[in-house]
Amino acid sequence: MTSSSRAGRRHAARTIAPKVPEITAIFWVVKILTTGMGEAASDFLANKSVPVAAAAGLLGLVVGLTLQLRARRYTAGVYWFAVAMVAVFGTMAADGFHKLIGLPYAVVTAGYAIALAVILYLWNRDEGTLSIHSITSQRREIYYWLTVLATFALGTAAGDLSAFTLNLGYFASVVLYGLVILVPLVGYRMRWMGEVTAFWFAYILTRPLGASMADWLGKERDKHGLGYGDGTVTVVAMLLIVVLVSYLAWTGVDVQRAPEPTPATRPTFAAQPDPVPAPAPRPSALENPAVPSQYGEAYRDPAGTRPASADPNGW
C-alpha cells in the first residue's frame, strides 16, 4: 500500500459529519426559546436560593457538555439539552458579576464582548475558519461551545444594559433587538455580509432578544412586565422546545451530512506500467539444426520461418 493511499484512508476516517445542526428556520426559533428559558429559569432559581441556583446551573452545564462532547454524532436532543444548560449557566455568569460583585452592566457587557472576541480570534487562528460546517474535530467543537457560552453571557448583560442602564425597559428592548437582528439577515441576502459573519452576528443577538422577551413576559407589572411569572415562562418555553426538538429528531431535517472527500484527499494509487512480454527464447541447435545451403555454407532458419515440408537441400 502506498503512502498516499494510507493518507487517504486516514483522512476518510477523520471526515465525519459536523456535530452541530444545519441552520434552518426552526433552528432560530429553538435558539430564541432556549435563551428565554435560560433567562427565566435562572431568575426563578436565584429567587429561591442563590447557592442552589449556582449548583444547579453548574451541574447542568457539566452534564450537558459532557453528553455532547462524548457523542459520536449530532443528536438533536443531546445538542439542544447542552444549549439549554449553557443558557441557564450563561445567565448566571452575567448576573453574578452585577448582582454579587456589583459591576455595572456596561462593564460586564464590555468584558464578555472582549472575551468573545478573544475566543473567536484564537479559533480562527488555530483552525482557519469559524464556519459551523467545519465542526468535525474535538478542538473545533470545544471552541464552538466556548463561543456559545460567551455569546449567552454577553447577550444577557447586553439585554440588562438596554433595559436598566439605558432605561428602555423590557418591551422596548424586544423591539430594539428584533430590529437589529434583521441587519445580518438583510446583509446576507444583499451579499454585503459573509455567511459566517452573518451567522455569528445573528447568534449573538438572539440572546438579548430572547432574554428581554422572557423578562417582559415573566416580570411583575411594576417592573414593566406582563406578570406571568418566571416559573410559568420557564415551563411554557421548555414544552415548546421539547415539541420542536422532537420534530427535529424525528425528521432529521437539521442533520448535516459528512463532507465528500476532495480529489486531493481521495486515496490515490500509483499507475502500474503494462507488463513487458519476455523475449522469445532463441532456439537451440537441437530444435533448429544447421541447414546447408546450395553454396555449402551452413545457416539456421529463424524459428517458424521454414515450412515443415521444405527441402533440406534448400530447394
C-alpha atoms as a PDB file:
ATOM      1  CA  MET A   1       0.000   0.000   0.000  1.00  0.00           C
ATOM      2  CA  THR A   2       1.412   3.387  -0.954  1.00  0.00           C
ATOM      3  CA  SER A   3       1.800   6.292   1.473  1.00  0.00           C
ATOM      4  CA  SER A   4      -0.794   8.303  -0.484  1.00  0.00           C
ATOM      5  CA  SER A   5      -3.403   5.581  -0.076  1.00  0.00           C
ATOM      6  CA  ARG A   6      -2.714   5.357   3.655  1.00  0.00           C
ATOM      7  CA  ALA A   7      -3.076   9.137   3.957  1.00  0.00           C
ATOM      8  CA  GLY A   8      -6.343   8.976   2.049  1.00  0.00           C
ATOM      9  CA  ARG A   9      -7.725   6.340   4.391  1.00  0.00           C
ATOM     10  CA  ARG A  10      -6.692   8.318   7.468  1.00  0.00           C
ATOM     11  CA  HIS A  11      -8.437  11.387   6.046  1.00  0.00           C
ATOM     12  CA  ALA A  12     -11.558   9.348   5.317  1.00  0.00           C
ATOM     13  CA  ALA A  13     -11.585   8.158   8.925  1.00  0.00           C
ATOM     14  CA  ARG A  14     -11.396  11.762  10.162  1.00  0.00           C
ATOM     15  CA  THR A  15     -14.053  13.105   7.781  1.00  0.00           C
ATOM     16  CA  ILE A  16     -17.232  12.952   9.856  1.00  0.00           C
ATOM     17  CA  ALA A  17     -20.477  14.863   9.806  1.00  0.00           C
ATOM     18  CA  PRO A  18     -20.454  18.095  11.862  1.00  0.00           C
ATOM     19  CA  LYS A  19     -21.844  17.687  15.383  1.00  0.00           C
ATOM     20  CA  VAL A  20     -23.959  20.836  15.213  1.00  0.00           C
ATOM     21  CA  PRO A  21     -27.280  21.284  13.393  1.00  0.00           C
ATOM     22  CA  GLU A  22     -27.889  22.716   9.960  1.00  0.00           C
ATOM     23  CA  ILE A  23     -29.235  26.267  10.033  1.00  0.00           C
ATOM     24  CA  THR A  24     -32.973  26.289   9.365  1.00  0.00           C
ATOM     25  CA  ALA A  25     -35.873  28.493  10.441  1.00  0.00           C
ATOM     26  CA  ILE A  26     -36.623  26.080  13.280  1.00  0.00           C
ATOM     27  CA  PHE A  27     -33.036  26.461  14.494  1.00  0.00           C
ATOM     28  CA  TRP A  28     -33.563  30.172  15.151  1.00  0.00           C
ATOM     29  CA  VAL A  29     -36.917  29.594  16.834  1.00  0.00           C
ATOM     30  CA  VAL A  30     -35.483  26.985  19.200  1.00  0.00           C
ATOM     31  CA  LYS A  31     -32.417  29.150  19.835  1.00  0.00           C
ATOM     32  CA  ILE A  32     -34.557  32.118  20.930  1.00  0.00           C
ATOM     33  CA  LEU A  33     -36.712  29.822  23.079  1.00  0.00           C
ATOM     34  CA  THR A  34     -33.640  28.415  24.847  1.00  0.00           C
ATOM     35  CA  THR A  35     -32.360  31.919  25.575  1.00  0.00           C
ATOM     36  CA  GLY A  36     -35.684  32.917  27.056  1.00  0.00           C
ATOM     37  CA  MET A  37     -35.977  29.688  29.017  1.00  0.00           C
ATOM     38  CA  GLY A  38     -32.443  30.111  30.372  1.00  0.00           C
ATOM     39  CA  GLU A  39     -33.151  33.653  31.490  1.00  0.00           C
ATOM     40  CA  ALA A  40     -36.434  32.760  33.200  1.00  0.00           C
ATOM     41  CA  ALA A  41     -35.131  29.542  34.796  1.00  0.00           C
ATOM     42  CA  SER A  42     -32.025  31.262  36.158  1.00  0.00           C
ATOM     43  CA  ASP A  43     -34.043  34.093  37.699  1.00  0.00           C
ATOM     44  CA  PHE A  44     -36.604  31.641  39.123  1.00  0.00           C
ATOM     45  CA  LEU A  45     -33.928  29.527  40.813  1.00  0.00           C
ATOM     46  CA  ALA A  46     -31.980  32.558  42.048  1.00  0.00           C
ATOM     47  CA  ASN A  47     -35.099  33.961  43.716  1.00  0.00           C
ATOM     48  CA  LYS A  48     -35.430  30.686  45.639  1.00  0.00           C
ATOM     49  CA  SER A  49     -31.785  30.216  46.619  1.00  0.00           C
ATOM     50  CA  VAL A  50     -28.653  31.636  45.030  1.00  0.00           C
ATOM     51  CA  PRO A  51     -26.394  28.730  46.151  1.00  0.00           C
ATOM     52  CA  VAL A  52     -28.908  26.158  44.879  1.00  0.00           C
ATOM     53  CA  ALA A  53     -29.233  28.049  41.596  1.00  0.00           C
ATOM     54  CA  ALA A  54     -25.460  28.208  41.168  1.00  0.00           C
ATOM     55  CA  ALA A  55     -25.038  24.495  41.922  1.00  0.00           C
ATOM     56  CA  ALA A  56     -27.885  23.504  39.599  1.00  0.00           C
ATOM     57  CA  GLY A  57     -26.571  25.707  36.817  1.00  0.00           C
ATOM     58  CA  LEU A  58     -23.019  24.369  37.091  1.00  0.00           C
ATOM     59  CA  LEU A  59     -24.188  20.752  37.304  1.00  0.00           C
ATOM     60  CA  GLY A  60     -26.445  21.180  34.279  1.00  0.00           C
ATOM     61  CA  LEU A  61     -23.613  22.751  32.304  1.00  0.00           C
ATOM     62  CA  VAL A  62     -21.195  19.921  33.097  1.00  0.00           C
ATOM     63  CA  VAL A  63     -23.742  17.197  32.307  1.00  0.00           C
ATOM     64  CA  GLY A  64     -24.936  18.838  29.101  1.00  0.00           C
ATOM     65  CA  LEU A  65     -21.483  19.480  27.649  1.00  0.00           C
ATOM     66  CA  THR A  66     -20.187  16.061  28.716  1.00  0.00           C
ATOM     67  CA  LEU A  67     -23.007  14.321  26.879  1.00  0.00           C
ATOM     68  CA  GLN A  68     -22.483  16.476  23.799  1.00  0.00           C
ATOM     69  CA  LEU A  69     -18.704  16.104  23.655  1.00  0.00           C
ATOM     70  CA  ARG A  70     -18.868  12.342  24.182  1.00  0.00           C
ATOM     71  CA  ALA A  71     -21.492  11.878  21.464  1.00  0.00           C
ATOM     72  CA  ARG A  72     -20.142  10.359  18.249  1.00  0.00           C
ATOM     73  CA  ARG A  73     -22.568  12.237  16.010  1.00  0.00           C
ATOM     74  CA  TYR A  74     -25.116  15.032  16.089  1.00  0.00           C
ATOM     75  CA  THR A  75     -28.255  14.175  18.051  1.00  0.00           C
ATOM     76  CA  ALA A  76     -30.952  16.833  18.335  1.00  0.00           C
ATOM     77  CA  GLY A  77     -31.947  16.033  21.919  1.00  0.00           C
ATOM     78  CA  VAL A  78     -28.376  15.952  23.225  1.00  0.00           C
ATOM     79  CA  TYR A  79     -27.334  19.102  21.386  1.00  0.00           C
ATOM     80  CA  TRP A  80     -30.287  21.232  22.467  1.00  0.00           C
ATOM     81  CA  PHE A  81     -30.079  19.970  26.054  1.00  0.00           C
ATOM     82  CA  ALA A  82     -26.500  21.250  26.102  1.00  0.00           C
ATOM     83  CA  VAL A  83     -27.629  24.599  24.648  1.00  0.00           C
ATOM     84  CA  ALA A  84     -30.351  24.908  27.296  1.00  0.00           C
ATOM     85  CA  MET A  85     -27.875  24.229  30.103  1.00  0.00           C
ATOM     86  CA  VAL A  86     -25.433  26.753  28.652  1.00  0.00           C
ATOM     87  CA  ALA A  87     -28.316  29.244  28.531  1.00  0.00           C
ATOM     88  CA  VAL A  88     -29.051  28.804  32.237  1.00  0.00           C
ATOM     89  CA  PHE A  89     -25.395  28.985  33.275  1.00  0.00           C
ATOM     90  CA  GLY A  90     -24.656  31.884  30.911  1.00  0.00           C
ATOM     91  CA  THR A  91     -27.400  33.933  32.555  1.00  0.00           C
ATOM     92  CA  MET A  92     -25.932  33.228  35.976  1.00  0.00           C
ATOM     93  CA  ALA A  93     -22.435  34.083  34.755  1.00  0.00           C
ATOM     94  CA  ALA A  94     -23.615  37.505  33.593  1.00  0.00           C
ATOM     95  CA  ASP A  95     -25.918  38.270  36.533  1.00  0.00           C
ATOM     96  CA  GLY A  96     -23.355  37.128  39.100  1.00  0.00           C
ATOM     97  CA  PHE A  97     -20.834  39.846  38.239  1.00  0.00           C
ATOM     98  CA  HIS A  98     -23.524  42.526  38.609  1.00  0.00           C
ATOM     99  CA  LYS A  99     -25.643  41.266  41.499  1.00  0.00           C
ATOM    100  CA  LEU A 100     -22.940  39.637  43.624  1.00  0.00           C
ATOM    101  CA  ILE A 101     -19.866  41.728  42.819  1.00  0.00           C
ATOM    102  CA  GLY A 102     -21.616  44.963  41.851  1.00  0.00           C
ATOM    103  CA  LEU A 103     -20.030  45.565  38.455  1.00  0.00           C
ATOM    104  CA  PRO A 104     -22.097  47.847  36.195  1.00  0.00           C
ATOM    105  CA  TYR A 105     -23.884  46.213  33.270  1.00  0.00           C
ATOM    106  CA  ALA A 106     -21.764  48.257  30.866  1.00  0.00           C
ATOM    107  CA  VAL A 107     -18.564  46.805  32.348  1.00  0.00           C
ATOM    108  CA  VAL A 108     -19.940  43.247  32.297  1.00  0.00           C
ATOM    109  CA  THR A 109     -21.083  43.662  28.690  1.00  0.00           C
ATOM    110  CA  ALA A 110     -17.721  45.034  27.594  1.00  0.00           C
ATOM    111  CA  GLY A 111     -15.874  42.275  29.448  1.00  0.00           C
ATOM    112  CA  TYR A 112     -17.814  39.476  27.770  1.00  0.00           C
ATOM    113  CA  ALA A 113     -17.517  41.201  24.392  1.00  0.00           C
ATOM    114  CA  ILE A 114     -13.729  41.165  24.791  1.00  0.00           C
ATOM    115  CA  ALA A 115     -13.802  37.524  25.915  1.00  0.00           C
ATOM    116  CA  LEU A 116     -15.884  36.577  22.871  1.00  0.00           C
ATOM    117  CA  ALA A 117     -13.521  38.445  20.529  1.00  0.00           C
ATOM    118  CA  VAL A 118     -10.514  36.623  22.009  1.00  0.00           C
ATOM    119  CA  ILE A 119     -12.177  33.205  21.624  1.00  0.00           C
ATOM    120  CA  LEU A 120     -13.111  33.890  18.012  1.00  0.00           C
ATOM    121  CA  TYR A 121      -9.601  35.147  17.258  1.00  0.00           C
ATOM    122  CA  LEU A 122      -7.953  32.045  18.736  1.00  0.00           C
ATOM    123  CA  TRP A 123     -10.423  29.760  16.981  1.00  0.00           C
ATOM    124  CA  ASN A 124      -9.820  31.371  13.603  1.00  0.00           C
ATOM    125  CA  ARG A 125      -6.051  31.429  14.144  1.00  0.00           C
ATOM    126  CA  ASP A 126      -5.857  27.744  15.061  1.00  0.00           C
ATOM    127  CA  GLU A 127      -8.427  26.366  12.610  1.00  0.00           C
ATOM    128  CA  GLY A 128      -8.570  28.932   9.821  1.00  0.00           C
ATOM    129  CA  THR A 129     -12.378  29.047   9.807  1.00  0.00           C
ATOM    130  CA  LEU A 130     -15.314  29.877  12.086  1.00  0.00           C
ATOM    131  CA  SER A 131     -17.864  28.025   9.981  1.00  0.00           C
ATOM    132  CA  ILE A 132     -20.243  25.734  11.839  1.00  0.00           C
ATOM    133  CA  HIS A 133     -19.980  23.357   8.901  1.00  0.00           C
ATOM    134  CA  SER A 134     -16.403  22.637   9.958  1.00  0.00           C
ATOM    135  CA  ILE A 135     -17.176  21.320  13.467  1.00  0.00           C
ATOM    136  CA  THR A 136     -15.688  17.889  12.744  1.00  0.00           C
ATOM    137  CA  SER A 137     -12.975  17.663  15.414  1.00  0.00           C
ATOM    138  CA  GLN A 138     -12.992  17.872  19.201  1.00  0.00           C
ATOM    139  CA  ARG A 139     -10.856  21.019  19.310  1.00  0.00           C
ATOM    140  CA  ARG A 140     -13.206  22.844  16.963  1.00  0.00           C
ATOM    141  CA  GLU A 141     -16.162  21.647  18.991  1.00  0.00           C
ATOM    142  CA  ILE A 142     -14.600  22.991  22.204  1.00  0.00           C
ATOM    143  CA  TYR A 143     -14.029  26.355  20.538  1.00  0.00           C
ATOM    144  CA  TYR A 144     -17.639  26.285  19.374  1.00  0.00           C
ATOM    145  CA  TRP A 145     -19.044  25.745  22.871  1.00  0.00           C
ATOM    146  CA  LEU A 146     -16.755  28.345  24.417  1.00  0.00           C
ATOM    147  CA  THR A 147     -18.115  30.777  21.834  1.00  0.00           C
ATOM    148  CA  VAL A 148     -21.705  29.786  22.595  1.00  0.00           C
ATOM    149  CA  LEU A 149     -21.152  30.260  26.328  1.00  0.00           C
ATOM    150  CA  ALA A 150     -19.603  33.693  25.760  1.00  0.00           C
ATOM    151  CA  THR A 151     -22.477  34.753  23.491  1.00  0.00           C
ATOM    152  CA  PHE A 152     -25.047  33.753  26.118  1.00  0.00           C
ATOM    153  CA  ALA A 153     -23.295  35.716  28.851  1.00  0.00           C
ATOM    154  CA  LEU A 154     -22.738  38.708  26.562  1.00  0.00           C
ATOM    155  CA  GLY A 155     -26.338  38.694  25.402  1.00  0.00           C
ATOM    156  CA  THR A 156     -27.673  38.556  28.955  1.00  0.00           C
ATOM    157  CA  ALA A 157     -25.535  41.501  30.008  1.00  0.00           C
ATOM    158  CA  ALA A 158     -26.470  43.462  26.877  1.00  0.00           C
ATOM    159  CA  GLY A 159     -30.181  42.852  27.486  1.00  0.00           C
ATOM    160  CA  ASP A 160     -29.926  44.110  31.065  1.00  0.00           C
ATOM    161  CA  LEU A 161     -27.846  47.055  29.877  1.00  0.00           C
ATOM    162  CA  SER A 162     -30.555  48.221  27.493  1.00  0.00           C
ATOM    163  CA  ALA A 163     -33.412  47.509  29.903  1.00  0.00           C
ATOM    164  CA  PHE A 164     -31.964  49.101  33.035  1.00  0.00           C
ATOM    165  CA  THR A 165     -28.918  51.254  32.314  1.00  0.00           C
ATOM    166  CA  LEU A 166     -30.427  52.772  29.160  1.00  0.00           C
ATOM    167  CA  ASN A 167     -33.939  52.730  30.740  1.00  0.00           C
ATOM    168  CA  LEU A 168     -35.569  51.212  27.683  1.00  0.00           C
ATOM    169  CA  GLY A 169     -37.495  48.589  29.626  1.00  0.00           C
ATOM    170  CA  TYR A 170     -38.214  45.040  28.507  1.00  0.00           C
ATOM    171  CA  PHE A 171     -40.656  45.612  25.661  1.00  0.00           C
ATOM    172  CA  ALA A 172     -38.602  48.374  24.042  1.00  0.00           C
ATOM    173  CA  SER A 173     -35.565  46.096  24.317  1.00  0.00           C
ATOM    174  CA  VAL A 174     -37.501  43.365  22.494  1.00  0.00           C
ATOM    175  CA  VAL A 175     -38.311  45.811  19.696  1.00  0.00           C
ATOM    176  CA  LEU A 176     -34.717  47.097  19.586  1.00  0.00           C
ATOM    177  CA  TYR A 177     -33.082  43.672  19.292  1.00  0.00           C
ATOM    178  CA  GLY A 178     -35.831  42.444  16.992  1.00  0.00           C
ATOM    179  CA  LEU A 179     -34.910  45.204  14.552  1.00  0.00           C
ATOM    180  CA  VAL A 180     -31.143  44.868  14.963  1.00  0.00           C
ATOM    181  CA  ILE A 181     -31.261  41.124  14.290  1.00  0.00           C
ATOM    182  CA  LEU A 182     -32.613  41.932  10.829  1.00  0.00           C
ATOM    183  CA  VAL A 183     -29.254  43.509   9.943  1.00  0.00           C
ATOM    184  CA  PRO A 184     -27.378  40.211   9.421  1.00  0.00           C
ATOM    185  CA  LEU A 185     -30.387  38.762   7.594  1.00  0.00           C
ATOM    186  CA  VAL A 186     -30.555  41.663   5.153  1.00  0.00           C
ATOM    187  CA  GLY A 187     -26.769  41.842   4.926  1.00  0.00           C
ATOM    188  CA  TYR A 188     -26.517  38.190   3.979  1.00  0.00           C
ATOM    189  CA  ARG A 189     -29.371  38.439   1.461  1.00  0.00           C
ATOM    190  CA  MET A 190     -27.821  41.522  -0.127  1.00  0.00           C
ATOM    191  CA  ARG A 191     -24.413  39.793  -0.239  1.00  0.00           C
ATOM    192  CA  TRP A 192     -22.522  42.515   1.616  1.00  0.00           C
ATOM    193  CA  MET A 193     -22.060  40.297   4.669  1.00  0.00           C
ATOM    194  CA  GLY A 194     -20.467  36.860   4.586  1.00  0.00           C
ATOM    195  CA  GLU A 195     -22.227  33.714   5.747  1.00  0.00           C
ATOM    196  CA  VAL A 196     -20.027  33.163   8.805  1.00  0.00           C
ATOM    197  CA  THR A 197     -20.159  36.803   9.924  1.00  0.00           C
ATOM    198  CA  ALA A 198     -23.929  36.982   9.463  1.00  0.00           C
ATOM    199  CA  PHE A 199     -24.451  33.775  11.408  1.00  0.00           C
ATOM    200  CA  TRP A 200     -22.459  34.781  14.489  1.00  0.00           C
ATOM    201  CA  PHE A 201     -23.887  38.316  14.398  1.00  0.00           C
ATOM    202  CA  ALA A 202     -27.420  36.909  14.495  1.00  0.00           C
ATOM    203  CA  TYR A 203     -26.461  34.201  17.009  1.00  0.00           C
ATOM    204  CA  ILE A 204     -25.231  36.800  19.497  1.00  0.00           C
ATOM    205  CA  LEU A 205     -28.363  38.921  19.095  1.00  0.00           C
ATOM    206  CA  THR A 206     -30.744  36.019  19.747  1.00  0.00           C
ATOM    207  CA  ARG A 207     -29.624  36.058  23.371  1.00  0.00           C
ATOM    208  CA  PRO A 208     -30.681  39.613  24.364  1.00  0.00           C
ATOM    209  CA  LEU A 209     -33.777  39.231  22.182  1.00  0.00           C
ATOM    210  CA  GLY A 210     -34.906  36.028  23.898  1.00  0.00           C
ATOM    211  CA  ALA A 211     -33.901  37.201  27.367  1.00  0.00           C
ATOM    212  CA  SER A 212     -35.729  40.520  27.003  1.00  0.00           C
ATOM    213  CA  MET A 213     -38.804  38.683  25.741  1.00  0.00           C
ATOM    214  CA  ALA A 214     -38.746  36.299  28.720  1.00  0.00           C
ATOM    215  CA  ASP A 215     -38.316  39.184  31.186  1.00  0.00           C
ATOM    216  CA  TRP A 216     -41.154  41.100  29.557  1.00  0.00           C
ATOM    217  CA  LEU A 217     -43.479  38.103  29.863  1.00  0.00           C
ATOM    218  CA  GLY A 218     -42.401  36.971  33.320  1.00  0.00           C
ATOM    219  CA  LYS A 219     -41.525  40.017  35.406  1.00  0.00           C
ATOM    220  CA  GLU A 220     -44.017  41.852  37.566  1.00  0.00           C
ATOM    221  CA  ARG A 221     -46.090  44.689  36.205  1.00  0.00           C
ATOM    222  CA  ASP A 222     -44.370  47.225  38.443  1.00  0.00           C
ATOM    223  CA  LYS A 223     -41.177  46.304  36.597  1.00  0.00           C
ATOM    224  CA  HIS A 224     -42.873  46.879  33.232  1.00  0.00           C
ATOM    225  CA  GLY A 225     -43.520  43.179  32.635  1.00  0.00           C
ATOM    226  CA  LEU A 226     -46.714  41.262  31.961  1.00  0.00           C
ATOM    227  CA  GLY A 227     -46.513  39.428  35.280  1.00  0.00           C
ATOM    228  CA  TYR A 228     -46.896  35.788  34.161  1.00  0.00           C
ATOM    229  CA  GLY A 229     -44.025  34.715  36.386  1.00  0.00           C
ATOM    230  CA  ASP A 230     -40.579  33.308  35.678  1.00  0.00           C
ATOM    231  CA  GLY A 231     -41.721  29.780  36.543  1.00  0.00           C
ATOM    232  CA  THR A 232     -44.567  29.877  34.046  1.00  0.00           C
ATOM    233  CA  VAL A 233     -42.349  31.258  31.292  1.00  0.00           C
ATOM    234  CA  THR A 234     -39.769  28.534  32.009  1.00  0.00           C
ATOM    235  CA  VAL A 235     -42.307  25.709  31.779  1.00  0.00           C
ATOM    236  CA  VAL A 236     -44.011  27.010  28.624  1.00  0.00           C
ATOM    237  CA  ALA A 237     -40.669  27.584  26.881  1.00  0.00           C
ATOM    238  CA  MET A 238     -39.469  24.098  27.867  1.00  0.00           C
ATOM    239  CA  LEU A 239     -42.624  22.487  26.457  1.00  0.00           C
ATOM    240  CA  LEU A 240     -42.241  24.336  23.164  1.00  0.00           C
ATOM    241  CA  ILE A 241     -38.572  23.336  22.993  1.00  0.00           C
ATOM    242  CA  VAL A 242     -39.402  19.678  23.611  1.00  0.00           C
ATOM    243  CA  VAL A 243     -42.035  19.696  20.847  1.00  0.00           C
ATOM    244  CA  LEU A 244     -39.754  21.333  18.274  1.00  0.00           C
ATOM    245  CA  VAL A 245     -36.687  19.268  19.152  1.00  0.00           C
ATOM    246  CA  SER A 246     -38.779  16.094  18.972  1.00  0.00           C
ATOM    247  CA  TYR A 247     -39.835  17.123  15.471  1.00  0.00           C
ATOM    248  CA  LEU A 248     -36.199  17.702  14.508  1.00  0.00           C
ATOM    249  CA  ALA A 249     -35.158  14.340  15.912  1.00  0.00           C
ATOM    250  CA  TRP A 250     -37.986  12.579  14.090  1.00  0.00           C
ATOM    251  CA  THR A 251     -37.467  14.207  10.694  1.00  0.00           C
ATOM    252  CA  GLY A 252     -33.699  14.738  10.776  1.00  0.00           C
ATOM    253  CA  VAL A 253     -34.078  17.897   8.687  1.00  0.00           C
ATOM    254  CA  ASP A 254     -31.270  19.633  10.568  1.00  0.00           C
ATOM    255  CA  VAL A 255     -28.646  16.879  10.289  1.00  0.00           C
ATOM    256  CA  GLN A 256     -25.539  17.960   8.418  1.00  0.00           C
ATOM    257  CA  ARG A 257     -24.073  15.374   6.099  1.00  0.00           C
ATOM    258  CA  ALA A 258     -20.443  14.326   6.115  1.00  0.00           C
ATOM    259  CA  PRO A 259     -18.492  16.285   3.501  1.00  0.00           C
ATOM    260  CA  GLU A 260     -17.353  14.424   0.432  1.00  0.00           C
ATOM    261  CA  PRO A 261     -13.579  13.939   0.312  1.00  0.00           C
ATOM    262  CA  THR A 262     -11.917  16.236  -2.184  1.00  0.00           C
ATOM    263  CA  PRO A 263      -9.972  14.817  -5.142  1.00  0.00           C
ATOM    264  CA  ALA A 264      -6.725  15.837  -3.469  1.00  0.00           C
ATOM    265  CA  THR A 265      -7.528  13.754  -0.414  1.00  0.00           C
ATOM    266  CA  ARG A 266      -9.042  10.693  -2.067  1.00  0.00           C
ATOM    267  CA  PRO A 267      -6.840   7.597  -1.964  1.00  0.00           C
ATOM    268  CA  THR A 268      -4.544   7.524  -4.984  1.00  0.00           C
ATOM    269  CA  PHE A 269      -2.672   4.586  -6.362  1.00  0.00           C
ATOM    270  CA  ALA A 270       0.458   4.795  -8.485  1.00  0.00           C
ATOM    271  CA  ALA A 271      -0.156   3.746 -12.081  1.00  0.00           C
ATOM    272  CA  GLN A 272       1.440   0.415 -12.805  1.00  0.00           C
ATOM    273  CA  PRO A 273       3.109   0.062 -16.236  1.00  0.00           C
ATOM    274  CA  ASP A 274       1.839  -2.601 -18.574  1.00  0.00           C
ATOM    275  CA  PRO A 275       3.889  -5.802 -18.289  1.00  0.00           C
ATOM    276  CA  VAL A 276       6.534  -6.116 -20.989  1.00  0.00           C
ATOM    277  CA  PRO A 277       6.451  -9.551 -22.609  1.00  0.00           C
ATOM    278  CA  ALA A 278       9.638 -11.562 -22.177  1.00  0.00           C
ATOM    279  CA  PRO A 279      11.611 -12.062 -25.394  1.00  0.00           C
ATOM    280  CA  ALA A 280      11.091 -15.392 -27.107  1.00  0.00           C
ATOM    281  CA  PRO A 281      13.875 -17.832 -26.274  1.00  0.00           C
ATOM    282  CA  ARG A 282      16.409 -18.375 -29.009  1.00  0.00           C
ATOM    283  CA  PRO A 283      16.036 -21.862 -30.499  1.00  0.00           C
ATOM    284  CA  SER A 284      18.723 -24.311 -29.594  1.00  0.00           C
ATOM    285  CA  ALA A 285      20.796 -26.248 -32.092  1.00  0.00           C
ATOM    286  CA  LEU A 286      18.751 -29.365 -31.456  1.00  0.00           C
ATOM    287  CA  GLU A 287      15.474 -27.570 -32.154  1.00  0.00           C
ATOM    288  CA  ASN A 288      16.783 -25.782 -35.237  1.00  0.00           C
ATOM    289  CA  PRO A 289      19.793 -27.667 -36.707  1.00  0.00           C
ATOM    290  CA  ALA A 290      22.091 -26.083 -39.199  1.00  0.00           C
ATOM    291  CA  VAL A 291      20.905 -26.439 -42.781  1.00  0.00           C
ATOM    292  CA  PRO A 292      23.469 -26.454 -45.620  1.00  0.00           C
ATOM    293  CA  SER A 293      22.759 -24.003 -48.385  1.00  0.00           C
ATOM    294  CA  GLN A 294      23.271 -24.584 -52.055  1.00  0.00           C
ATOM    295  CA  TYR A 295      26.662 -22.882 -51.822  1.00  0.00           C
ATOM    296  CA  GLY A 296      27.850 -25.105 -48.982  1.00  0.00           C
ATOM    297  CA  GLU A 297      27.611 -22.633 -46.037  1.00  0.00           C
ATOM    298  CA  ALA A 298      25.548 -23.581 -43.061  1.00  0.00           C
ATOM    299  CA  TYR A 299      22.730 -21.412 -41.651  1.00  0.00           C
ATOM    300  CA  ARG A 300      19.854 -21.718 -39.177  1.00  0.00           C
ATOM    301  CA  ASP A 301      16.340 -20.743 -40.105  1.00  0.00           C
ATOM    302  CA  PRO A 302      14.609 -18.458 -37.632  1.00  0.00           C
ATOM    303  CA  ALA A 303      12.037 -20.358 -35.687  1.00  0.00           C
ATOM    304  CA  GLY A 304       8.799 -20.754 -37.584  1.00  0.00           C
ATOM    305  CA  THR A 305      10.067 -19.351 -40.890  1.00  0.00           C
ATOM    306  CA  ARG A 306      10.881 -22.623 -42.645  1.00  0.00           C
ATOM    307  CA  PRO A 307       7.909 -24.718 -43.640  1.00  0.00           C
ATOM    308  CA  ALA A 308       7.842 -28.207 -42.290  1.00  0.00           C
ATOM    309  CA  SER A 309       7.890 -29.603 -45.874  1.00  0.00           C
ATOM    310  CA  ALA A 310      10.912 -27.570 -47.035  1.00  0.00           C
ATOM    311  CA  ASP A 311      13.627 -29.495 -48.803  1.00  0.00           C
ATOM    312  CA  PRO A 312      16.676 -29.900 -46.562  1.00  0.00           C
ATOM    313  CA  ASN A 313      18.858 -29.051 -49.535  1.00  0.00           C
ATOM    314  CA  GLY A 314      17.413 -25.570 -49.719  1.00  0.00           C
ATOM    315  CA  TRP A 315      15.341 -26.084 -52.898  1.00  0.00           C
END
